Amino acid sequence: MVSNFPAIVKRFLKDFPTDDYPVLDTFTFGSCWMSFVMDQSQSSMRDLFKRLNIRGIEMDISTFSKASKNRDPIIFHDLFLKSRNELRKKNNIDSKALVLFPIDSTIISLTSKLLWKEGYHQVKLFSGINLLTAEPDGILIHFGQGHDSKYGEETIAATPKNGVSVMDRGFCKLERIKNLIQDRERYFVIRIKNDMSLEMLENGKFLVGTGTKKVECRIVNYCDLEERTEFRLATNLPETGEFAVSNKEIGEFYRNRWQIELLWKFLKMHLKLDRLITKNTNGIEIQIYCCLIAYIVLQLVETPKEFGEKILDKLRYLQAFMCENISYVHWFRKMVFEQ
């Protein structure tokens, strides 16, 4: 195998305790979660546990379910932060560079009636993605229904300094636009609703809204002729001066918002985020963070270029070598303790 994957696994998992619980230690617990997320040959935890039992690792669904319900997910949160910081160091981006930070939410349906009784029918995951480093940031897990305009402040606050948060009209409300304008260290591009009132001023800017809640800001309009759709973009990016940004560039910034949709697509199609397998909020949080950790690990992994450089190519490359080691759980143990 020609890859830095073993070294990454050893750095990330070596500090997981192997003797903190008598039945299911943290190392094995975390390895099982990461194995479920990354192993393309497994469709359920039961399939994974059956394979582990046959090949000498005792595991049962009851013990694992109790651990997922009761154990503090902070170890996975800390591992996410550690992996994200390593990705940031790897890319070594100039702190003064203008960073695009698309923000959005995705809905994950809940199928457990136990969660329905608690009033939860879905989970909303909020995140942004730094397009220079490919790192997700500003993670917010919201249980229940709710419009994007009411949530996501933590995600918006994660916009890097000198960065541009890019949001769809679901995040649009006048109070939010007003607060974004007041932030002197960050920029924003947000699509406003087509039924919002606009009043052009002599300075070229617009008053958005009606009554006492009007907000003055720069508005960029453009149309998609094929779809016959109008886009109205509110922004605080400068129109003149040394760091001026043209209307065309702002339109391109908004087009790059699609990158956050590609993140959701990859997490759901290839890292099993489309189906939450636990029946409690604690386990759901663990599964979400494991998906995000796996995504960052794939960004960090280096593989021979002839096999492809996309993260899906890397996942398939690792899958080919995982098959030689029975499961990711067996492989993780080998990489951390035997090498």
Protein backbone atom coordinates (compact mmCIF):
# COMPACT_ATOMS: atom_id res chain seq x y z
CA MET A 1 0.00 0.00 0.00
CA VAL A 2 1.40 3.38 -1.04
CA SER A 3 -0.36 5.88 1.20
CA ASN A 4 -0.03 7.93 4.38
CA PHE A 5 -3.28 6.40 5.69
CA PRO A 6 -1.61 4.18 8.33
CA ALA A 7 0.28 7.17 9.74
CA ILE A 8 -2.93 9.23 9.90
CA VAL A 9 -4.81 6.45 11.68
CA LYS A 10 -2.01 6.02 14.21
CA ARG A 11 -1.95 9.75 15.00
CA PHE A 12 -5.70 9.98 15.38
CA LEU A 13 -6.52 6.75 17.24
CA LYS A 14 -3.44 6.06 19.36
CA ASP A 15 -4.81 8.12 22.26
CA PHE A 16 -8.13 6.25 22.39
CA PRO A 17 -8.07 4.12 25.59
CA THR A 18 -8.04 0.34 25.21
CA ASP A 19 -8.83 -0.53 28.83
CA ASP A 20 -11.30 2.10 30.05
CA TYR A 21 -14.35 -0.18 29.84
CA PRO A 22 -14.36 -3.93 30.62
CA VAL A 23 -16.66 -4.95 27.77
CA LEU A 24 -16.31 -2.36 24.98
CA ASP A 25 -13.28 -0.08 25.24
CA THR A 26 -13.20 3.33 23.56
CA PHE A 27 -10.71 2.27 20.88
CA THR A 28 -12.92 -0.60 19.70
CA PHE A 29 -16.07 1.51 20.03
CA GLY A 30 -14.61 4.30 17.88
CA SER A 31 -13.15 1.80 15.42
CA CYS A 32 -16.57 0.21 14.91
CA TRP A 33 -18.16 3.56 14.16
CA MET A 34 -15.44 4.56 11.71
CA SER A 35 -15.60 1.11 10.12
CA PHE A 36 -19.34 1.40 9.57
CA VAL A 37 -18.97 4.84 7.98
CA MET A 38 -16.04 4.00 5.68
CA ASP A 39 -16.58 0.33 4.77
CA GLN A 40 -18.42 0.21 1.44
CA SER A 41 -19.10 -3.53 1.83
CA GLN A 42 -21.17 -3.16 5.01
CA SER A 43 -24.76 -1.92 5.02
CA SER A 44 -25.50 -2.34 8.74
CA MET A 45 -23.84 -2.68 12.11
CA ARG A 46 -25.18 -6.22 12.39
CA ASP A 47 -23.24 -7.18 9.27
CA LEU A 48 -20.09 -5.67 10.78
CA PHE A 49 -20.55 -7.39 14.14
CA LYS A 50 -21.12 -10.75 12.47
CA ARG A 51 -17.85 -10.38 10.60
CA LEU A 52 -16.03 -9.37 13.77
CA ASN A 53 -17.46 -12.30 15.75
CA ILE A 54 -16.47 -14.80 13.08
CA ARG A 55 -12.92 -13.43 13.03
CA GLY A 56 -12.28 -13.35 16.77
CA ILE A 57 -13.57 -9.98 18.07
CA GLU A 58 -16.51 -10.31 20.47
CA MET A 59 -19.20 -7.73 19.81
CA ASP A 60 -22.98 -7.57 20.13
CA ILE A 61 -25.57 -5.01 19.13
CA SER A 62 -26.94 -4.54 22.66
CA THR A 63 -23.60 -3.50 24.18
CA PHE A 64 -22.84 -1.21 21.27
CA SER A 65 -26.28 0.43 21.43
CA LYS A 66 -25.92 1.14 25.16
CA ALA A 67 -22.48 2.65 24.58
CA SER A 68 -23.82 4.85 21.77
CA LYS A 69 -26.62 6.05 24.03
CA ASN A 70 -24.61 6.76 27.18
CA ARG A 71 -21.03 7.65 26.27
CA ASP A 72 -19.94 11.25 25.93
CA PRO A 73 -19.51 12.13 22.22
CA ILE A 74 -16.80 14.64 23.17
CA ILE A 75 -14.05 12.22 22.07
CA PHE A 76 -15.45 12.29 18.54
CA HIS A 77 -15.91 16.06 18.65
CA ASP A 78 -12.28 16.48 19.76
CA LEU A 79 -11.09 14.13 17.03
CA PHE A 80 -13.03 16.16 14.48
CA LEU A 81 -11.30 19.35 15.65
CA LYS A 82 -7.89 17.63 15.62
CA SER A 83 -8.36 16.32 12.08
CA ARG A 84 -9.66 19.67 10.87
CA ASN A 85 -6.66 21.51 12.31
CA GLU A 86 -4.33 19.05 10.59
CA LEU A 87 -6.08 19.65 7.28
CA ARG A 88 -5.69 23.39 7.82
CA LYS A 89 -1.94 23.01 8.43
CA LYS A 90 -1.54 20.79 5.38
CA ASN A 91 -3.03 23.41 3.05
CA ASN A 92 -1.08 26.32 4.62
CA ILE A 93 -3.34 29.03 3.23
CA ASP A 94 -2.36 32.70 3.41
CA SER A 95 -4.31 34.28 6.27
CA LYS A 96 -5.00 37.33 4.09
CA ALA A 97 -6.54 35.31 1.25
CA LEU A 98 -10.23 35.87 0.49
CA VAL A 99 -11.96 32.66 1.55
CA LEU A 100 -15.34 31.55 0.22
CA PHE A 101 -17.43 29.86 2.91
CA PRO A 102 -20.70 28.42 1.53
CA ILE A 103 -23.24 27.70 4.27
CA ASP A 104 -26.31 25.48 4.17
CA SER A 105 -28.27 22.85 6.06
CA THR A 106 -29.38 19.37 5.14
CA ILE A 107 -32.27 17.31 6.50
CA ILE A 108 -31.78 13.75 7.72
CA SER A 109 -35.01 11.87 8.37
CA LEU A 110 -35.49 9.88 11.57
CA THR A 111 -37.20 6.50 11.30
CA SER A 112 -37.23 5.45 14.96
CA LYS A 113 -40.62 5.70 16.71
CA LEU A 114 -38.74 6.21 19.98
CA LEU A 115 -37.53 9.56 18.63
CA TRP A 116 -40.98 10.37 17.24
CA LYS A 117 -42.37 10.08 20.78
CA GLU A 118 -39.87 12.76 21.84
CA GLY A 119 -41.18 15.00 19.07
CA TYR A 120 -38.22 14.53 16.71
CA HIS A 121 -38.97 13.53 13.12
CA GLN A 122 -35.82 14.90 11.53
CA VAL A 123 -32.36 16.25 12.19
CA LYS A 124 -31.04 19.39 10.55
CA LEU A 125 -27.28 19.54 10.11
CA PHE A 126 -25.83 23.01 9.54
CA SER A 127 -22.31 23.47 8.22
CA GLY A 128 -20.10 25.67 6.13
CA ILE A 129 -17.14 24.55 4.04
CA ASN A 130 -13.91 26.48 3.54
CA LEU A 131 -13.26 26.25 -0.21
CA LEU A 132 -9.51 26.85 0.19
CA THR A 133 -8.92 24.07 2.71
CA ALA A 134 -12.01 21.86 2.04
CA GLU A 135 -12.70 21.73 5.80
CA PRO A 136 -16.25 21.72 7.19
CA ASP A 137 -16.76 24.19 10.03
CA GLY A 138 -19.49 25.71 12.14
CA ILE A 139 -21.19 22.36 12.75
CA LEU A 140 -24.64 22.66 14.31
CA ILE A 141 -26.94 19.69 14.91
CA HIS A 142 -30.57 20.74 15.36
CA PHE A 143 -33.19 18.17 16.35
CA GLY A 144 -36.64 18.99 15.05
CA GLN A 145 -38.09 21.18 12.35
CA GLY A 146 -37.36 24.84 11.79
CA HIS A 147 -36.62 27.30 9.03
CA ASP A 148 -33.00 28.17 8.22
CA SER A 149 -33.72 31.83 8.93
CA LYS A 150 -34.22 30.96 12.62
CA TYR A 151 -31.04 28.93 13.08
CA GLY A 152 -27.46 28.73 11.90
CA GLU A 153 -25.95 31.70 13.76
CA GLU A 154 -23.12 29.49 15.07
CA THR A 155 -22.34 28.37 11.53
CA ILE A 156 -22.28 31.93 10.19
CA ALA A 157 -20.03 32.98 13.08
CA ALA A 158 -17.51 30.33 11.95
CA THR A 159 -16.83 32.27 8.73
CA PRO A 160 -13.05 32.88 8.62
CA LYS A 161 -11.76 36.42 9.02
CA ASN A 162 -11.60 38.06 5.62
CA GLY A 163 -13.93 35.30 4.45
CA VAL A 164 -17.17 35.48 2.48
CA SER A 165 -20.14 33.51 3.79
CA VAL A 166 -22.39 32.50 0.89
CA MET A 167 -26.01 31.64 1.70
CA ASP A 168 -29.22 30.79 -0.09
CA ARG A 169 -32.46 32.71 0.49
CA GLY A 170 -33.55 30.27 3.21
CA PHE A 171 -31.12 32.09 5.53
CA CYS A 172 -32.44 35.51 4.54
CA LYS A 173 -34.04 37.83 7.06
CA LEU A 174 -33.55 41.57 7.48
CA GLU A 175 -32.23 41.35 11.03
CA ARG A 176 -29.57 38.87 9.93
CA ILE A 177 -28.51 41.07 7.00
CA LYS A 178 -28.24 44.04 9.36
CA ASN A 179 -26.01 42.07 11.75
CA LEU A 180 -23.83 40.81 8.90
CA ILE A 181 -23.27 44.35 7.63
CA GLN A 182 -22.07 45.40 11.09
CA ASP A 183 -19.32 42.74 11.08
CA ARG A 184 -16.24 44.59 9.80
CA GLU A 185 -13.99 41.51 9.65
CA ARG A 186 -16.10 39.32 7.38
CA TYR A 187 -18.12 39.58 4.20
CA PHE A 188 -21.29 37.92 3.03
CA VAL A 189 -23.30 37.15 -0.10
CA ILE A 190 -26.89 36.12 0.54
CA ARG A 191 -29.71 35.60 -1.90
CA ILE A 192 -32.75 37.62 -0.87
CA LYS A 193 -36.32 36.69 -1.65
CA ASN A 194 -37.78 38.01 -4.88
CA ASP A 195 -40.80 39.50 -3.10
CA MET A 196 -38.67 41.74 -0.87
CA SER A 197 -39.14 45.44 -1.52
CA LEU A 198 -36.12 47.26 -3.02
CA GLU A 199 -35.65 51.03 -3.16
CA MET A 200 -32.61 52.34 -5.04
CA LEU A 201 -30.65 55.19 -3.43
CA GLU A 202 -28.55 57.92 -5.03
CA ASN A 203 -25.32 56.24 -3.87
CA GLY A 204 -26.16 53.13 -5.90
CA LYS A 205 -27.13 51.01 -2.91
CA PHE A 206 -30.62 49.79 -2.05
CA LEU A 207 -32.98 49.90 0.88
CA VAL A 208 -34.22 46.36 1.42
CA GLY A 209 -37.54 45.75 3.14
CA THR A 210 -40.35 48.00 4.29
CA GLY A 211 -41.28 50.08 7.30
CA THR A 212 -38.79 50.62 10.12
CA LYS A 213 -36.82 47.44 9.39
CA LYS A 214 -35.24 48.63 6.13
CA VAL A 215 -31.59 47.73 5.61
CA GLU A 216 -29.22 49.60 3.30
CA CYS A 217 -26.80 47.38 1.35
CA ARG A 218 -25.38 46.62 -2.05
CA ILE A 219 -27.63 44.52 -4.29
CA VAL A 220 -26.50 42.54 -7.34
CA ASN A 221 -29.14 41.25 -9.77
CA TYR A 222 -28.65 38.64 -12.45
CA CYS A 223 -30.81 36.15 -14.32
CA ASP A 224 -30.55 32.53 -15.37
CA LEU A 225 -32.08 32.73 -18.85
CA GLU A 226 -32.36 28.95 -19.25
CA GLU A 227 -34.26 28.51 -15.99
CA ARG A 228 -35.92 31.93 -16.26
CA THR A 229 -34.94 32.66 -12.66
CA GLU A 230 -33.96 35.98 -11.12
CA PHE A 231 -31.27 36.15 -8.45
CA ARG A 232 -31.03 39.08 -6.06
CA LEU A 233 -27.86 39.01 -4.00
CA ALA A 234 -27.27 41.22 -0.98
CA THR A 235 -23.64 41.76 0.01
CA ASN A 236 -21.25 44.02 1.91
CA LEU A 237 -18.34 43.40 -0.47
CA PRO A 238 -16.81 46.72 -1.62
CA GLU A 239 -17.72 47.99 -5.07
CA THR A 240 -14.84 50.47 -5.29
CA GLY A 241 -11.33 50.85 -3.94
CA GLU A 242 -8.29 48.58 -3.78
CA PHE A 243 -10.29 45.49 -2.81
CA ALA A 244 -13.29 46.12 -5.07
CA VAL A 245 -15.32 43.09 -6.15
CA SER A 246 -17.29 43.32 -9.39
CA ASN A 247 -20.90 42.26 -9.85
CA LYS A 248 -19.76 39.40 -12.07
CA GLU A 249 -17.41 38.11 -9.37
CA ILE A 250 -20.20 38.22 -6.80
CA GLY A 251 -22.34 36.14 -9.15
CA GLU A 252 -19.50 33.61 -9.36
CA PHE A 253 -19.20 33.60 -5.57
CA TYR A 254 -22.86 32.63 -5.33
CA ARG A 255 -22.42 29.89 -7.94
CA ASN A 256 -19.77 28.38 -5.67
CA ARG A 257 -22.44 27.91 -3.01
CA TRP A 258 -23.12 24.61 -4.75
CA GLN A 259 -19.97 23.15 -3.16
CA ILE A 260 -21.79 22.72 0.15
CA GLU A 261 -24.43 20.68 -1.69
CA LEU A 262 -21.66 18.43 -2.99
CA LEU A 263 -20.52 17.92 0.61
CA TRP A 264 -24.01 16.73 1.59
CA LYS A 265 -24.13 14.48 -1.46
CA PHE A 266 -20.84 12.79 -0.60
CA LEU A 267 -21.67 12.32 3.08
CA LYS A 268 -25.04 10.76 2.27
CA MET A 269 -24.08 8.66 -0.76
CA HIS A 270 -20.70 7.33 0.36
CA LEU A 271 -20.39 7.77 4.16
CA LYS A 272 -23.90 6.57 5.10
CA LEU A 273 -25.24 9.84 6.50
CA ASP A 274 -28.50 9.26 4.63
CA ARG A 275 -29.62 6.80 7.32
CA LEU A 276 -29.16 7.37 11.04
CA ILE A 277 -28.90 3.94 12.64
CA THR A 278 -29.24 4.82 16.33
CA LYS A 279 -32.43 5.52 18.25
CA ASN A 280 -31.18 8.29 20.53
CA THR A 281 -29.82 11.81 20.13
CA ASN A 282 -26.42 10.91 21.60
CA GLY A 283 -25.79 8.17 19.06
CA ILE A 284 -26.96 10.40 16.21
CA GLU A 285 -24.39 13.04 17.18
CA ILE A 286 -21.66 10.38 17.24
CA GLN A 287 -22.60 9.10 13.78
CA ILE A 288 -22.64 12.60 12.28
CA TYR A 289 -19.22 13.46 13.68
CA CYS A 290 -17.78 10.13 12.46
CA CYS A 291 -18.99 10.96 8.95
CA LEU A 292 -17.31 14.36 9.13
CA ILE A 293 -14.08 12.85 10.51
CA ALA A 294 -14.00 10.29 7.69
CA TYR A 295 -14.52 13.09 5.14
CA ILE A 296 -11.53 15.03 6.51
CA VAL A 297 -9.38 11.88 6.70
CA LEU A 298 -10.04 11.32 3.01
CA GLN A 299 -8.92 14.90 2.34
CA LEU A 300 -5.69 14.16 4.21
CA VAL A 301 -5.00 10.78 2.60
CA GLU A 302 -2.47 10.67 -0.22
CA THR A 303 -2.67 7.88 -2.78
CA PRO A 304 -0.91 7.18 -6.09
CA LYS A 305 -2.12 9.68 -8.67
CA GLU A 306 -2.77 7.00 -11.28
CA PHE A 307 -5.72 5.78 -9.15
CA GLY A 308 -7.34 9.22 -9.07
CA GLU A 309 -7.15 12.26 -6.82
CA LYS A 310 -10.81 12.78 -5.90
CA ILE A 311 -11.89 11.79 -2.41
CA LEU A 312 -14.15 9.06 -3.85
CA ASP A 313 -11.10 7.63 -5.63
CA LYS A 314 -9.26 7.62 -2.30
CA LEU A 315 -12.15 5.87 -0.55
CA ARG A 316 -12.18 3.16 -3.21
CA TYR A 317 -8.40 2.80 -2.94
CA LEU A 318 -8.62 2.25 0.82
CA GLN A 319 -11.51 -0.18 0.35
CA ALA A 320 -9.32 -2.38 -1.87
CA PHE A 321 -6.69 -2.69 0.87
CA MET A 322 -9.21 -2.96 3.70
CA CYS A 323 -10.46 -6.18 2.11
CA GLU A 324 -7.07 -7.74 2.81
CA ASN A 325 -7.54 -7.03 6.52
CA ILE A 326 -11.04 -8.46 7.16
CA SER A 327 -12.48 -5.15 8.43
CA TYR A 328 -11.43 -1.62 9.25
CA VAL A 329 -11.54 -2.62 12.93
CA HIS A 330 -8.88 -5.30 12.35
CA TRP A 331 -6.92 -2.92 10.12
CA PHE A 332 -6.99 -0.08 12.68
CA ARG A 333 -5.63 -2.43 15.37
CA LYS A 334 -2.86 -3.57 13.06
CA MET A 335 -1.84 -0.02 12.09
CA VAL A 336 -1.92 1.39 15.64
CA PHE A 337 -0.47 -1.48 17.68
CA GLU A 338 1.61 -3.65 15.32
CA GLN A 339 3.47 -1.11 13.18
